[in-house]
Amino acid sequence: MRAVAKTRGEEGALEVIEVPEPQAGPGEVLIRPVGGGVCGTDVSIYHWYPGLARDYHPTWPLILGHESAGIVEAVGASVNGVAPGALVAVNPQTSCGACFHCNRGRTSICDQYRVMGCHINGGWAERVVVPATNVHPVPVGVEPTAALLAEPLTVAVHGVVERVRVQAGETVLVLGAGTMGLLHLLVAQAVGAARVIVAGLAADRGRLALAEELGAISVNLESQSLERVVRGERVHGADAAFDTTGHAEALAGLLGSVRKGGRVGLIGINHDAAPFDSLPVVLGEQELLGVRAYSRTTWDTSVALLVRLAPAMQRLITHTLPFSEAGAAIGLIERRECIKVVLQADG
C-alpha cells in the first residue's frame, strides 16, 4: 500500500513509498483513513528542526500524520465497542499508563510519550492499525471531513477547558488565525466566553475574515495595536490568552494585553529563544501555562463537542490534495494560502 513518509533525518526527504498492508492484531483496529490533516508540526518535521530531532528520533522511513479519522475495516481479538463500518477519530498519542505522570492522569507528559506520525508511524497511509483504546466513535451526523479535525480540536479543548480553564463571561485573546487559533476560538465560545479576539498578520486576511464570521473580533497586528484593541474591549485586559503561533517575539506582545492575574496558554511550537520582560508577570501574578496535546479523558469532551462544532470546523478545511502533492501542502501552509489542508490517497 502507499503512504507518505519522511525517509531521512534532514530537510525535506518527503516521499510516497510502498509499505506492507497492516493487519489488526489482538486489541487493535484496522482503519481506512478518510484523509489526514496537515499541521504546523508536520511542517516542522519536514524541515527537521534540531529540537524535534532530539525529541522524536524515529526509525526511518517514518509515515507521517497525526490528524486522522477513518472507517473501521477490521478488528482484532478482544476488541469491544467498535465494529467494522464505524467512523472513528484517532487519538495518535500513546502513553505507558504506569509512570509518575500517567498515574496522575497527565498522559500528555508521560515519560514514554509517543505520537503517531512523529515518533512512530502515523496515518498518512491507505490503511493504518491503531490500538482499540485510541479510537473514538464519531457521533452520528458528523461528516468524516469534520472528524478529521477531532485531534486538533482536542488540543484546543485541553488548552481552553483543562489548562487555562476559561470561564463563562471572560474575554479571551487568541494569537494566531490558523487552524489551531480558530479551534481555540470555537472552544472558547462553546464554554461561554463573552468575547474572543483573534490576532494575525496581514497575510492572514482571509483567516481573520473567517474568524469574524465565526463571531470573533479580529486584529491585524501589522496595522493595529493589539493592546489598544484588547483594552478597548476590556479595560483591564484579556482574562485568558493563547499563543498558537510559537513565534519567539509573540509572547512579549501577548503579555501586555492580559490583565493582572490573567492566564496565558502556550500552544505553538517555538524553535527559537523567546526573551521577554518577566517583571510584569511577577508583579501582575500572570500565569504562563504550557499546553501539550491532551489527556485520554480530554477526548470524551471533544467528541461530545463535535456535533455542535462540526459545521464551523468544516469551514476550516480549504484544500484537499493527493498523497503525491504532500510537498505542495507544506508550501500552502508556509505561504499562509490555506487554513487546513487534508491529504488523501491518490485515486
Protein backbone atom coordinates (compact mmCIF):
# COMPACT_ATOMS: atom_id res chain seq x y z
CA MET A 1 0.00 0.00 0.00
CA ARG A 2 1.03 3.65 -0.38
CA ALA A 3 2.00 6.00 2.41
CA VAL A 4 3.61 9.42 2.78
CA ALA A 5 6.85 9.14 4.72
CA LYS A 6 9.87 11.13 5.76
CA THR A 7 12.73 8.95 4.66
CA ARG A 8 15.75 10.66 6.25
CA GLY A 9 16.54 12.97 9.16
CA GLU A 10 17.20 16.06 7.09
CA GLU A 11 15.43 18.93 5.35
CA GLY A 12 12.65 17.66 3.08
CA ALA A 13 13.03 13.93 2.34
CA LEU A 14 9.23 13.54 1.98
CA GLU A 15 8.21 10.71 -0.35
CA VAL A 16 5.30 8.46 -1.28
CA ILE A 17 6.51 4.93 -0.55
CA GLU A 18 5.15 1.39 -0.75
CA VAL A 19 4.78 -0.48 2.56
CA PRO A 20 3.20 -3.82 3.51
CA GLU A 21 -0.53 -3.93 4.21
CA PRO A 22 -1.05 -3.86 8.00
CA GLN A 23 -3.14 -6.44 9.86
CA ALA A 24 -5.10 -5.89 13.06
CA GLY A 25 -3.72 -7.94 15.93
CA PRO A 26 -5.26 -8.55 19.36
CA GLY A 27 -6.58 -5.32 20.83
CA GLU A 28 -6.09 -3.44 17.55
CA VAL A 29 -8.31 -1.87 14.88
CA LEU A 30 -7.62 -1.64 11.13
CA ILE A 31 -8.79 1.67 9.69
CA ARG A 32 -9.11 3.06 6.18
CA PRO A 33 -8.44 6.78 6.70
CA VAL A 34 -10.81 9.23 5.04
CA GLY A 35 -7.84 11.59 4.97
CA GLY A 36 -5.13 13.09 7.10
CA GLY A 37 -4.79 16.67 8.25
CA VAL A 38 -1.54 18.57 7.72
CA CYS A 39 -0.50 20.89 10.54
CA GLY A 40 2.38 23.07 11.68
CA THR A 41 4.05 20.15 13.43
CA ASP A 42 4.24 18.34 10.08
CA VAL A 43 5.88 21.42 8.58
CA SER A 44 8.43 21.36 11.40
CA ILE A 45 9.10 17.67 10.78
CA TYR A 46 9.55 18.42 7.08
CA HIS A 47 12.31 20.90 7.97
CA TRP A 48 13.62 18.60 10.74
CA TYR A 49 14.46 21.31 13.23
CA PRO A 50 17.10 20.34 15.85
CA GLY A 51 14.65 20.41 18.76
CA LEU A 52 12.34 17.91 17.05
CA ALA A 53 15.28 15.71 16.10
CA ARG A 54 16.27 15.49 19.77
CA ASP A 55 12.74 14.63 20.90
CA TYR A 56 11.47 12.36 18.14
CA HIS A 57 14.45 10.24 16.91
CA PRO A 58 12.24 7.81 14.89
CA THR A 59 13.19 4.82 12.77
CA TRP A 60 13.32 5.70 9.05
CA PRO A 61 11.21 5.75 6.99
CA LEU A 62 8.58 7.36 9.23
CA ILE A 63 4.98 7.51 7.97
CA LEU A 64 3.74 10.97 8.90
CA GLY A 65 0.30 12.14 10.00
CA HIS A 66 -1.18 12.54 13.48
CA GLU A 67 -4.57 14.05 12.49
CA SER A 68 -6.66 11.16 11.26
CA ALA A 69 -10.14 9.67 11.09
CA GLY A 70 -11.46 6.77 9.11
CA ILE A 71 -13.72 3.78 8.61
CA VAL A 72 -13.06 0.64 10.63
CA GLU A 73 -12.35 -2.27 8.27
CA ALA A 74 -11.47 -4.99 10.77
CA VAL A 75 -10.95 -5.51 14.49
CA GLY A 76 -8.57 -7.87 16.25
CA ALA A 77 -9.31 -10.30 19.04
CA SER A 78 -10.56 -8.87 22.36
CA VAL A 79 -11.82 -5.64 20.80
CA ASN A 80 -15.18 -4.44 22.06
CA GLY A 81 -17.19 -1.28 21.50
CA VAL A 82 -16.22 -0.68 17.88
CA ALA A 83 -17.21 -2.64 14.77
CA PRO A 84 -16.38 -2.64 11.05
CA GLY A 85 -18.10 0.19 9.22
CA ALA A 86 -17.87 2.66 12.08
CA LEU A 87 -16.44 6.13 11.57
CA VAL A 88 -13.80 6.78 14.21
CA ALA A 89 -11.39 9.55 15.13
CA VAL A 90 -7.87 8.53 16.09
CA ASN A 91 -6.01 9.61 19.21
CA PRO A 92 -2.41 9.42 17.94
CA GLN A 93 -0.86 9.68 21.40
CA THR A 94 0.44 6.62 23.21
CA SER A 95 1.48 6.58 26.84
CA CYS A 96 2.76 3.92 29.20
CA GLY A 97 -0.01 4.18 31.80
CA ALA A 98 2.39 3.40 34.61
CA CYS A 99 4.84 6.29 35.08
CA PHE A 100 4.62 9.07 37.68
CA HIS A 101 2.73 11.35 35.29
CA CYS A 102 0.33 8.75 33.88
CA ASN A 103 -0.65 7.74 37.40
CA ARG A 104 -1.76 11.34 37.91
CA GLY A 105 -3.77 11.47 34.70
CA ARG A 106 -1.17 13.59 32.86
CA THR A 107 -0.67 11.25 29.91
CA SER A 108 0.49 14.08 27.63
CA ILE A 109 3.71 14.34 29.63
CA CYS A 110 4.23 10.59 30.03
CA ASP A 111 7.89 9.57 30.34
CA GLN A 112 7.34 7.18 27.39
CA TYR A 113 5.18 9.61 25.39
CA ARG A 114 4.93 8.74 21.70
CA VAL A 115 2.84 10.25 18.92
CA MET A 116 1.88 8.59 15.66
CA GLY A 117 3.45 10.45 12.76
CA CYS A 118 6.13 11.96 15.00
CA HIS A 119 7.85 9.20 16.99
CA ILE A 120 6.16 6.19 15.36
CA ASN A 121 4.31 5.55 12.08
CA GLY A 122 1.21 7.67 11.56
CA GLY A 123 -1.92 7.97 9.48
CA TRP A 124 -0.90 9.29 6.07
CA ALA A 125 -1.43 5.86 4.56
CA GLU A 126 -4.10 3.86 2.76
CA ARG A 127 -4.57 1.68 5.85
CA VAL A 128 -3.45 2.08 9.44
CA VAL A 129 -3.58 -0.12 12.55
CA VAL A 130 -4.33 1.60 15.84
CA PRO A 131 -4.79 0.28 19.40
CA ALA A 132 -8.52 -0.02 20.07
CA THR A 133 -8.09 2.20 23.12
CA ASN A 134 -7.01 5.02 20.77
CA VAL A 135 -10.11 5.13 18.57
CA HIS A 136 -13.22 7.15 19.36
CA PRO A 137 -16.54 6.51 17.57
CA VAL A 138 -17.76 9.71 15.92
CA PRO A 139 -21.36 10.74 16.71
CA VAL A 140 -23.95 10.12 14.00
CA GLY A 141 -24.43 13.16 11.80
CA VAL A 142 -20.83 14.37 11.88
CA GLU A 143 -19.25 14.44 8.43
CA PRO A 144 -15.99 12.48 8.03
CA THR A 145 -14.18 15.67 7.00
CA ALA A 146 -15.08 17.29 10.32
CA ALA A 147 -13.98 14.15 12.16
CA LEU A 148 -10.51 14.69 10.67
CA LEU A 149 -10.20 17.74 12.91
CA ALA A 150 -11.07 15.89 16.12
CA GLU A 151 -7.40 15.67 17.11
CA PRO A 152 -6.55 19.39 16.86
CA LEU A 153 -9.95 20.14 18.43
CA THR A 154 -8.88 18.02 21.39
CA VAL A 155 -5.70 20.09 21.74
CA ALA A 156 -7.89 23.20 21.91
CA VAL A 157 -10.19 21.59 24.48
CA HIS A 158 -7.18 20.68 26.62
CA GLY A 159 -5.90 24.25 26.45
CA VAL A 160 -9.20 26.08 26.94
CA VAL A 161 -11.00 23.76 29.35
CA GLU A 162 -8.32 21.85 31.24
CA ARG A 163 -5.22 24.04 31.40
CA VAL A 164 -6.22 27.70 31.13
CA ARG A 165 -9.79 26.98 32.29
CA VAL A 166 -11.69 29.71 30.50
CA GLN A 167 -14.84 30.69 32.37
CA ALA A 168 -18.19 31.93 31.07
CA GLY A 169 -18.23 35.69 30.60
CA GLU A 170 -14.45 36.07 30.17
CA THR A 171 -12.62 37.93 27.43
CA VAL A 172 -10.23 35.66 25.54
CA LEU A 173 -7.34 36.60 23.26
CA VAL A 174 -6.02 34.16 20.64
CA LEU A 175 -2.76 34.89 18.87
CA GLY A 176 -2.72 33.13 15.51
CA ALA A 177 -5.53 32.71 12.95
CA GLY A 178 -4.63 29.28 11.60
CA THR A 179 -6.49 26.06 12.32
CA MET A 180 -5.37 25.91 15.95
CA GLY A 181 -6.22 29.54 16.61
CA LEU A 182 -9.68 29.19 15.07
CA LEU A 183 -10.37 26.00 17.02
CA HIS A 184 -9.45 27.82 20.24
CA LEU A 185 -11.96 30.46 19.20
CA LEU A 186 -14.70 27.86 18.75
CA VAL A 187 -13.99 26.08 22.04
CA ALA A 188 -13.79 29.36 23.99
CA GLN A 189 -17.17 30.33 22.58
CA ALA A 190 -18.55 26.90 23.46
CA VAL A 191 -17.65 27.33 27.13
CA GLY A 192 -19.28 30.75 27.24
CA ALA A 193 -16.56 33.34 26.63
CA ALA A 194 -18.18 36.78 26.33
CA ARG A 195 -15.85 37.82 23.53
CA VAL A 196 -12.91 36.29 21.68
CA ILE A 197 -10.26 38.40 19.96
CA VAL A 198 -8.21 36.68 17.24
CA ALA A 199 -4.98 38.33 16.08
CA GLY A 200 -2.93 37.62 12.97
CA LEU A 201 -0.81 39.19 10.24
CA ALA A 202 -1.77 40.93 7.01
CA ALA A 203 -1.17 37.64 5.20
CA ASP A 204 -3.91 36.13 7.38
CA ARG A 205 -6.55 38.43 5.91
CA GLY A 206 -8.77 35.59 4.75
CA ARG A 207 -8.37 33.71 8.02
CA LEU A 208 -9.20 36.80 10.05
CA ALA A 209 -12.30 37.37 7.91
CA LEU A 210 -13.43 33.83 8.72
CA ALA A 211 -12.73 34.44 12.41
CA GLU A 212 -15.08 37.42 12.25
CA GLU A 213 -17.73 35.33 10.50
CA LEU A 214 -17.40 32.82 13.34
CA GLY A 215 -18.03 35.57 15.89
CA ALA A 216 -14.57 36.86 16.81
CA ILE A 217 -13.13 40.36 16.93
CA SER A 218 -10.15 40.35 14.56
CA VAL A 219 -6.86 42.25 14.84
CA ASN A 220 -4.29 42.80 12.09
CA LEU A 221 -1.06 43.03 14.06
CA GLU A 222 0.66 44.95 11.27
CA SER A 223 -1.83 47.81 11.18
CA GLN A 224 -3.50 47.77 14.61
CA SER A 225 -2.31 47.92 18.21
CA LEU A 226 -3.17 44.63 19.87
CA GLU A 227 -3.17 46.11 23.35
CA ARG A 228 -5.35 49.03 22.30
CA VAL A 229 -7.95 46.76 20.72
CA VAL A 230 -7.99 44.36 23.68
CA ARG A 231 -8.22 47.07 26.31
CA GLY A 232 -10.87 48.80 24.25
CA GLU A 233 -12.98 45.69 24.71
CA ARG A 234 -11.99 45.13 28.33
CA VAL A 235 -10.11 47.91 30.07
CA HIS A 236 -8.19 45.60 32.42
CA GLY A 237 -7.05 43.34 29.57
CA ALA A 238 -7.92 39.82 28.50
CA ASP A 239 -8.74 37.30 31.20
CA ALA A 240 -7.13 34.48 29.25
CA ALA A 241 -4.91 34.28 26.19
CA PHE A 242 -3.43 31.65 23.91
CA ASP A 243 -0.35 31.75 21.70
CA THR A 244 -0.89 29.26 18.90
CA THR A 245 1.92 30.65 16.73
CA GLY A 246 5.09 29.59 18.54
CA HIS A 247 6.94 32.68 17.30
CA ALA A 248 9.66 33.89 19.64
CA GLU A 249 8.52 37.51 19.69
CA ALA A 250 4.83 36.67 20.22
CA LEU A 251 4.90 36.21 23.99
CA ALA A 252 6.03 39.75 24.83
CA GLY A 253 3.20 41.31 22.84
CA LEU A 254 0.67 38.91 24.25
CA LEU A 255 1.50 39.54 27.90
CA GLY A 256 0.91 43.28 27.56
CA SER A 257 -2.70 42.61 26.60
CA VAL A 258 -3.51 40.27 29.50
CA ARG A 259 -4.87 41.58 32.81
CA LYS A 260 -3.23 41.16 36.18
CA GLY A 261 -3.95 37.65 37.37
CA GLY A 262 -4.68 36.56 33.81
CA ARG A 263 -3.69 33.21 32.31
CA VAL A 264 -1.68 32.55 29.17
CA GLY A 265 -1.58 29.19 27.42
CA LEU A 266 1.45 28.45 25.23
CA ILE A 267 0.49 26.01 22.49
CA GLY A 268 2.63 26.85 19.44
CA ILE A 269 5.94 25.06 18.98
CA ASN A 270 8.79 27.57 19.25
CA HIS A 271 12.17 26.79 17.68
CA ASP A 272 13.99 29.89 18.94
CA ALA A 273 14.72 31.53 22.28
CA ALA A 274 11.84 33.71 23.47
CA PRO A 275 13.14 36.53 25.69
CA PHE A 276 10.53 38.65 27.45
CA ASP A 277 10.26 41.03 30.39
CA SER A 278 9.29 38.82 33.32
CA LEU A 279 8.77 41.68 35.81
CA PRO A 280 5.15 42.42 34.74
CA VAL A 281 4.41 38.69 35.02
CA VAL A 282 5.69 38.68 38.60
CA LEU A 283 4.09 41.96 39.68
CA GLY A 284 0.81 41.16 37.97
CA GLU A 285 0.77 37.49 39.03
CA GLN A 286 0.08 36.35 35.50
CA GLU A 287 0.16 32.60 34.88
CA LEU A 288 2.09 31.04 31.99
CA LEU A 289 0.86 27.54 31.20
CA GLY A 290 2.36 25.05 28.79
CA VAL A 291 -0.19 23.12 26.75
CA ARG A 292 0.92 19.87 25.17
CA ALA A 293 -1.62 17.71 23.40
CA TYR A 294 -4.28 16.31 25.78
CA SER A 295 -5.08 13.50 28.17
CA ARG A 296 -7.11 10.44 27.24
CA THR A 297 -10.14 11.82 29.06
CA THR A 298 -9.98 15.07 27.05
CA TRP A 299 -11.29 13.11 24.07
CA ASP A 300 -14.63 12.49 25.77
CA THR A 301 -15.22 16.24 25.92
CA SER A 302 -14.05 16.95 22.38
CA VAL A 303 -16.05 14.12 20.78
CA ALA A 304 -19.16 15.38 22.59
CA LEU A 305 -18.48 18.86 21.15
CA LEU A 306 -18.13 17.55 17.59
CA VAL A 307 -21.86 17.54 16.86
CA ARG A 308 -22.16 21.18 17.90
CA LEU A 309 -18.97 22.47 16.29
CA ALA A 310 -18.70 20.28 13.18
CA PRO A 311 -20.38 22.74 10.73
CA ALA A 312 -17.95 25.51 11.68
CA MET A 313 -14.99 23.10 11.75
CA GLN A 314 -15.66 22.01 8.18
CA ARG A 315 -15.21 25.60 7.06
CA LEU A 316 -11.59 25.39 8.17
CA ILE A 317 -10.76 22.78 5.52
CA THR A 318 -9.76 24.79 2.46
CA HIS A 319 -7.72 22.30 0.41
CA THR A 320 -7.77 18.55 -0.25
CA LEU A 321 -4.70 17.14 -2.04
CA PRO A 322 -3.48 13.66 -3.02
CA PHE A 323 -0.55 11.98 -1.29
CA SER A 324 1.64 12.81 -4.29
CA GLU A 325 1.23 16.53 -3.52
CA ALA A 326 2.26 16.37 0.16
CA GLY A 327 5.13 18.76 -0.54
CA ALA A 328 2.69 21.24 -2.07
CA ALA A 329 0.58 21.01 1.09
CA ILE A 330 3.60 22.07 3.15
CA GLY A 331 4.10 25.03 0.82
CA LEU A 332 0.48 26.16 1.13
CA ILE A 333 0.81 26.25 4.91
CA GLU A 334 4.11 28.12 4.88
CA ARG A 335 2.73 30.74 2.47
CA ARG A 336 -0.46 31.11 4.54
CA GLU A 337 -2.56 30.30 1.48
CA CYS A 338 -4.81 27.87 3.32
CA ILE A 339 -6.30 27.10 6.68
CA LYS A 340 -6.42 23.31 6.88
CA VAL A 341 -5.06 21.04 4.15
CA VAL A 342 -6.16 17.41 4.00
CA LEU A 343 -4.21 14.65 2.26
CA GLN A 344 -5.97 11.68 0.70
CA ALA A 345 -4.71 8.61 -1.13
CA ASP A 346 -4.23 9.21 -4.85
CA GLY A 347 -7.09 7.90 -6.93
